[in-house]
PDB file of N, CA and C in Angstrom:
ATOM      1  N   MET A   1      11.530  91.498 125.625  1.00  0.00           N
ATOM      2  CA  MET A   1      11.711  91.201 127.020  1.00  0.00           C
ATOM      3  C   MET A   1      12.611  92.249 127.664  1.00  0.00           C
ATOM      4  N   SER A   2      12.251  92.710 128.861  1.00  0.00           N
ATOM      5  CA  SER A   2      13.086  93.707 129.523  1.00  0.00           C
ATOM      6  C   SER A   2      14.169  93.026 130.355  1.00  0.00           C
ATOM      7  N   GLN A   3      15.289  93.696 130.464  1.00  0.00           N
ATOM      8  CA  GLN A   3      16.414  93.150 131.219  1.00  0.00           C
ATOM      9  C   GLN A   3      16.194  93.425 132.704  1.00  0.00           C
ATOM     10  N   LYS A   4      16.450  92.440 133.536  1.00  0.00           N
ATOM     11  CA  LYS A   4      16.315  92.607 134.977  1.00  0.00           C
ATOM     12  C   LYS A   4      17.607  93.186 135.531  1.00  0.00           C
ATOM     13  N   ASN A   5      17.458  94.094 136.466  1.00  0.00           N
ATOM     14  CA  ASN A   5      18.619  94.668 137.146  1.00  0.00           C
ATOM     15  C   ASN A   5      18.957  93.786 138.339  1.00  0.00           C
ATOM     16  N   VAL A   6      19.874  92.869 138.131  1.00  0.00           N
ATOM     17  CA  VAL A   6      20.250  91.909 139.151  1.00  0.00           C
ATOM     18  C   VAL A   6      21.726  92.097 139.467  1.00  0.00           C
ATOM     19  N   MET A   7      22.025  92.128 140.770  1.00  0.00           N
ATOM     20  CA  MET A   7      23.416  92.258 141.200  1.00  0.00           C
ATOM     21  C   MET A   7      24.028  90.872 141.306  1.00  0.00           C
ATOM     22  N   SER A   8      25.310  90.794 141.045  1.00  0.00           N
ATOM     23  CA  SER A   8      26.004  89.517 141.184  1.00  0.00           C
ATOM     24  C   SER A   8      26.263  89.238 142.664  1.00  0.00           C
ATOM     25  N   GLN A   9      26.550  87.993 142.973  1.00  0.00           N
ATOM     26  CA  GLN A   9      26.875  87.609 144.352  1.00  0.00           C
ATOM     27  C   GLN A   9      28.105  88.371 144.836  1.00  0.00           C
ATOM     28  N   ALA A  10      29.081  88.564 143.979  1.00  0.00           N
ATOM     29  CA  ALA A  10      30.298  89.296 144.344  1.00  0.00           C
ATOM     30  C   ALA A  10      29.976  90.745 144.690  1.00  0.00           C
ATOM     31  N   ASP A  11      29.065  91.371 143.932  1.00  0.00           N
ATOM     32  CA  ASP A  11      28.664  92.751 144.222  1.00  0.00           C
ATOM     33  C   ASP A  11      27.973  92.836 145.580  1.00  0.00           C
ATOM     34  N   VAL A  12      27.116  91.870 145.853  1.00  0.00           N
ATOM     35  CA  VAL A  12      26.405  91.855 147.132  1.00  0.00           C
ATOM     36  C   VAL A  12      27.400  91.688 148.279  1.00  0.00           C
ATOM     37  N   ASN A  13      28.324  90.749 148.139  1.00  0.00           N
ATOM     38  CA  ASN A  13      29.313  90.502 149.192  1.00  0.00           C
ATOM     39  C   ASN A  13      30.267  91.668 149.390  1.00  0.00           C
ATOM     40  N   ALA A  14      30.543  92.442 148.346  1.00  0.00           N
ATOM     41  CA  ALA A  14      31.480  93.560 148.424  1.00  0.00           C
ATOM     42  C   ALA A  14      30.822  94.852 148.899  1.00  0.00           C
ATOM     43  N   PHE A  15      29.498  94.870 148.994  1.00  0.00           N
ATOM     44  CA  PHE A  15      28.787  96.099 149.363  1.00  0.00           C
ATOM     45  C   PHE A  15      29.136  96.532 150.777  1.00  0.00           C
ATOM     46  N   THR A  16      29.434  97.806 150.925  1.00  0.00           N
ATOM     47  CA  THR A  16      29.663  98.423 152.222  1.00  0.00           C
ATOM     48  C   THR A  16      28.790  99.672 152.303  1.00  0.00           C
ATOM     49  N   PRO A  17      27.862  99.728 153.265  1.00  0.00           N
ATOM     50  CA  PRO A  17      26.992 100.898 153.360  1.00  0.00           C
ATOM     51  C   PRO A  17      27.781 102.136 153.791  1.00  0.00           C
ATOM     52  N   ASP A  18      27.291 103.305 153.367  1.00  0.00           N
ATOM     53  CA  ASP A  18      27.945 104.534 153.804  1.00  0.00           C
ATOM     54  C   ASP A  18      27.627 104.775 155.278  1.00  0.00           C
ATOM     55  N   GLU A  19      28.236 105.785 155.864  1.00  0.00           N
ATOM     56  CA  GLU A  19      28.103 106.067 157.304  1.00  0.00           C
ATOM     57  C   GLU A  19      26.647 106.253 157.723  1.00  0.00           C
ATOM     58  N   THR A  20      25.879 106.996 156.939  1.00  0.00           N
ATOM     59  CA  THR A  20      24.474 107.237 157.270  1.00  0.00           C
ATOM     60  C   THR A  20      23.671 105.941 157.256  1.00  0.00           C
ATOM     61  N   ALA A  21      23.860 105.148 156.221  1.00  0.00           N
ATOM     62  CA  ALA A  21      23.136 103.884 156.118  1.00  0.00           C
ATOM     63  C   ALA A  21      23.546 102.931 157.239  1.00  0.00           C
ATOM     64  N   ALA A  22      24.815 102.890 157.563  1.00  0.00           N
ATOM     65  CA  ALA A  22      25.293 102.020 158.631  1.00  0.00           C
ATOM     66  C   ALA A  22      24.683 102.427 159.971  1.00  0.00           C
ATOM     67  N   THR A  23      24.601 103.723 160.231  1.00  0.00           N
ATOM     68  CA  THR A  23      24.000 104.227 161.469  1.00  0.00           C
ATOM     69  C   THR A  23      22.520 103.877 161.533  1.00  0.00           C
ATOM     70  N   GLU A  24      21.819 104.068 160.421  1.00  0.00           N
ATOM     71  CA  GLU A  24      20.391 103.732 160.372  1.00  0.00           C
ATOM     72  C   GLU A  24      20.173 102.240 160.574  1.00  0.00           C
ATOM     73  N   ARG A  25      21.001 101.427 159.961  1.00  0.00           N
ATOM     74  CA  ARG A  25      20.880  99.977 160.106  1.00  0.00           C
ATOM     75  C   ARG A  25      21.141  99.548 161.539  1.00  0.00           C
ATOM     76  N   GLU A  26      22.129 100.148 162.181  1.00  0.00           N
ATOM     77  CA  GLU A  26      22.437  99.795 163.565  1.00  0.00           C
ATOM     78  C   GLU A  26      21.275 100.177 164.481  1.00  0.00           C
ATOM     79  N   ALA A  27      20.652 101.332 164.247  1.00  0.00           N
ATOM     80  CA  ALA A  27      19.492 101.741 165.047  1.00  0.00           C
ATOM     81  C   ALA A  27      18.333 100.769 164.838  1.00  0.00           C
ATOM     82  N   LEU A  28      18.108 100.354 163.610  1.00  0.00           N
ATOM     83  CA  LEU A  28      17.047  99.401 163.302  1.00  0.00           C
ATOM     84  C   LEU A  28      17.335  98.047 163.955  1.00  0.00           C
ATOM     85  N   ARG A  29      18.593  97.610 163.879  1.00  0.00           N
ATOM     86  CA  ARG A  29      18.988  96.338 164.487  1.00  0.00           C
ATOM     87  C   ARG A  29      18.767  96.384 166.002  1.00  0.00           C
ATOM     88  N   GLU A  30      19.117  97.493 166.633  1.00  0.00           N
ATOM     89  CA  GLU A  30      18.928  97.665 168.077  1.00  0.00           C
ATOM     90  C   GLU A  30      17.449  97.637 168.437  1.00  0.00           C
ATOM     91  N   ASP A  31      16.624  98.318 167.655  1.00  0.00           N
ATOM     92  CA  ASP A  31      15.179  98.347 167.887  1.00  0.00           C
ATOM     93  C   ASP A  31      14.577  96.950 167.774  1.00  0.00           C
ATOM     94  N   ILE A  32      14.962  96.228 166.743  1.00  0.00           N
ATOM     95  CA  ILE A  32      14.440  94.870 166.543  1.00  0.00           C
ATOM     96  C   ILE A  32      14.877  93.961 167.695  1.00  0.00           C
ATOM     97  N   SER A  33      16.130  94.055 168.102  1.00  0.00           N
ATOM     98  CA  SER A  33      16.625  93.227 169.209  1.00  0.00           C
ATOM     99  C   SER A  33      15.861  93.519 170.492  1.00  0.00           C
ATOM    100  N   ASN A  34      15.622  94.795 170.762  1.00  0.00           N
ATOM    101  CA  ASN A  34      14.874  95.166 171.962  1.00  0.00           C
ATOM    102  C   ASN A  34      13.452  94.622 171.921  1.00  0.00           C
ATOM    103  N   ARG A  35      12.838  94.631 170.760  1.00  0.00           N
ATOM    104  CA  ARG A  35      11.478  94.093 170.635  1.00  0.00           C
ATOM    105  C   ARG A  35      11.459  92.581 170.790  1.00  0.00           C
ATOM    106  N   VAL A  36      12.407  91.905 170.161  1.00  0.00           N
ATOM    107  CA  VAL A  36      12.450  90.446 170.194  1.00  0.00           C
ATOM    108  C   VAL A  36      12.750  89.948 171.613  1.00  0.00           C
ATOM    109  N   PHE A  37      13.691  90.589 172.282  1.00  0.00           N
ATOM    110  CA  PHE A  37      14.130  90.121 173.591  1.00  0.00           C
ATOM    111  C   PHE A  37      13.513  90.893 174.753  1.00  0.00           C
ATOM    112  N   TYR A  38      12.449  91.648 174.502  1.00  0.00           N
ATOM    113  CA  TYR A  38      11.829  92.490 175.523  1.00  0.00           C
ATOM    114  C   TYR A  38      11.485  91.698 176.791  1.00  0.00           C
ATOM    115  N   LEU A  39      10.746  90.605 176.634  1.00  0.00           N
ATOM    116  CA  LEU A  39      10.319  89.838 177.802  1.00  0.00           C
ATOM    117  C   LEU A  39      11.501  89.234 178.552  1.00  0.00           C
ATOM    118  N   LEU A  40      12.484  88.736 177.835  1.00  0.00           N
ATOM    119  CA  LEU A  40      13.664  88.185 178.503  1.00  0.00           C
ATOM    120  C   LEU A  40      14.420  89.265 179.271  1.00  0.00           C
ATOM    121  N   LEU A  41      14.550  90.436 178.677  1.00  0.00           N
ATOM    122  CA  LEU A  41      15.229  91.542 179.360  1.00  0.00           C
ATOM    123  C   LEU A  41      14.465  91.969 180.613  1.00  0.00           C
ATOM    124  N   GLN A  42      13.137  92.015 180.518  1.00  0.00           N
ATOM    125  CA  GLN A  42      12.322  92.373 181.674  1.00  0.00           C
ATOM    126  C   GLN A  42      12.481  91.348 182.787  1.00  0.00           C
ATOM    127  N   GLN A  43      12.450  90.067 182.439  1.00  0.00           N
ATOM    128  CA  GLN A  43      12.614  89.010 183.437  1.00  0.00           C
ATOM    129  C   GLN A  43      13.993  89.088 184.094  1.00  0.00           C
ATOM    130  N   ALA A  44      15.020  89.348 183.306  1.00  0.00           N
ATOM    131  CA  ALA A  44      16.377  89.454 183.842  1.00  0.00           C
ATOM    132  C   ALA A  44      16.488  90.632 184.798  1.00  0.00           C
ATOM    133  N   GLU A  45      15.873  91.765 184.446  1.00  0.00           N
ATOM    134  CA  GLU A  45      15.909  92.936 185.327  1.00  0.00           C
ATOM    135  C   GLU A  45      15.185  92.658 186.637  1.00  0.00           C
ATOM    136  N   ARG A  46      14.013  91.993 186.563  1.00  0.00           N
ATOM    137  CA  ARG A  46      13.265  91.660 187.781  1.00  0.00           C
ATOM    138  C   ARG A  46      14.062  90.687 188.647  1.00  0.00           C
ATOM    139  N   ALA A  47      14.697  89.711 188.034  1.00  0.00           N
ATOM    140  CA  ALA A  47      15.483  88.731 188.783  1.00  0.00           C
ATOM    141  C   ALA A  47      16.678  89.412 189.447  1.00  0.00           C
ATOM    142  N   GLU A  48      17.303  90.329 188.747  1.00  0.00           N
ATOM    143  CA  GLU A  48      18.455  91.043 189.299  1.00  0.00           C
ATOM    144  C   GLU A  48      18.046  91.877 190.512  1.00  0.00           C
ATOM    145  N   LYS A  49      16.888  92.506 190.444  1.00  0.00           N
ATOM    146  CA  LYS A  49      16.400  93.319 191.563  1.00  0.00           C
ATOM    147  C   LYS A  49      16.007  92.457 192.751  1.00  0.00           C
ATOM    148  N   ALA A  50      15.597  91.217 192.504  1.00  0.00           N
ATOM    149  CA  ALA A  50      15.144  90.336 193.571  1.00  0.00           C
ATOM    150  C   ALA A  50      16.296  89.721 194.351  1.00  0.00           C
ATOM    151  N   ILE A  51      17.496  89.715 193.801  1.00  0.00           N
ATOM    152  CA  ILE A  51      18.655  89.130 194.471  1.00  0.00           C
ATOM    153  C   ILE A  51      19.319  90.195 195.339  1.00  0.00           C
ATOM    154  N   PRO A  52      19.447  89.946 196.639  1.00  0.00           N
ATOM    155  CA  PRO A  52      20.101  90.930 197.515  1.00  0.00           C
ATOM    156  C   PRO A  52      21.576  91.118 197.147  1.00  0.00           C
ATOM    157  N   ASP A  53      22.097  92.299 197.417  1.00  0.00           N
ATOM    158  CA  ASP A  53      23.494  92.597 197.090  1.00  0.00           C
ATOM    159  C   ASP A  53      24.483  91.690 197.814  1.00  0.00           C
ATOM    160  N   ASP A  54      24.115  91.196 198.993  1.00  0.00           N
ATOM    161  CA  ASP A  54      25.037  90.365 199.773  1.00  0.00           C
ATOM    162  C   ASP A  54      24.736  88.872 199.629  1.00  0.00           C
ATOM    163  N   ALA A  55      24.081  88.483 198.546  1.00  0.00           N
ATOM    164  CA  ALA A  55      23.760  87.073 198.309  1.00  0.00           C
ATOM    165  C   ALA A  55      25.040  86.280 198.084  1.00  0.00           C
ATOM    166  N   PRO A  56      25.065  85.023 198.576  1.00  0.00           N
ATOM    167  CA  PRO A  56      26.256  84.184 198.366  1.00  0.00           C
ATOM    168  C   PRO A  56      26.525  83.968 196.887  1.00  0.00           C
ATOM    169  N   GLY A  57      27.791  83.970 196.537  1.00  0.00           N
ATOM    170  CA  GLY A  57      28.181  83.736 195.144  1.00  0.00           C
ATOM    171  C   GLY A  57      28.094  84.956 194.266  1.00  0.00           C
ATOM    172  N   ASP A  58      27.691  86.070 194.845  1.00  0.00           N
ATOM    173  CA  ASP A  58      27.520  87.293 194.049  1.00  0.00           C
ATOM    174  C   ASP A  58      28.839  88.056 193.887  1.00  0.00           C
ATOM    175  N   ASN A  59      29.837  87.728 194.668  1.00  0.00           N
ATOM    176  CA  ASN A  59      31.102  88.469 194.619  1.00  0.00           C
ATOM    177  C   ASN A  59      32.179  87.671 193.907  1.00  0.00           C
ATOM    178  N   ILE A  60      31.853  87.236 192.712  1.00  0.00           N
ATOM    179  CA  ILE A  60      32.810  86.483 191.881  1.00  0.00           C
ATOM    180  C   ILE A  60      33.671  87.450 191.117  1.00  0.00           C
TER     181      ILE A  60
END
């Protein structure tokens, strides 16, 4: 039987990616967020454009 290369829970929790990996992960996270929330972001932008600058309650 071959031995499986399995990391312990402590190893997983202690892992810190290097600068390059962290940058790549952040770019991937940003891309995924933009895809997931695309429609909500579009609706928010349209709603913001539809509200006049001098609308009541806008100067909080």
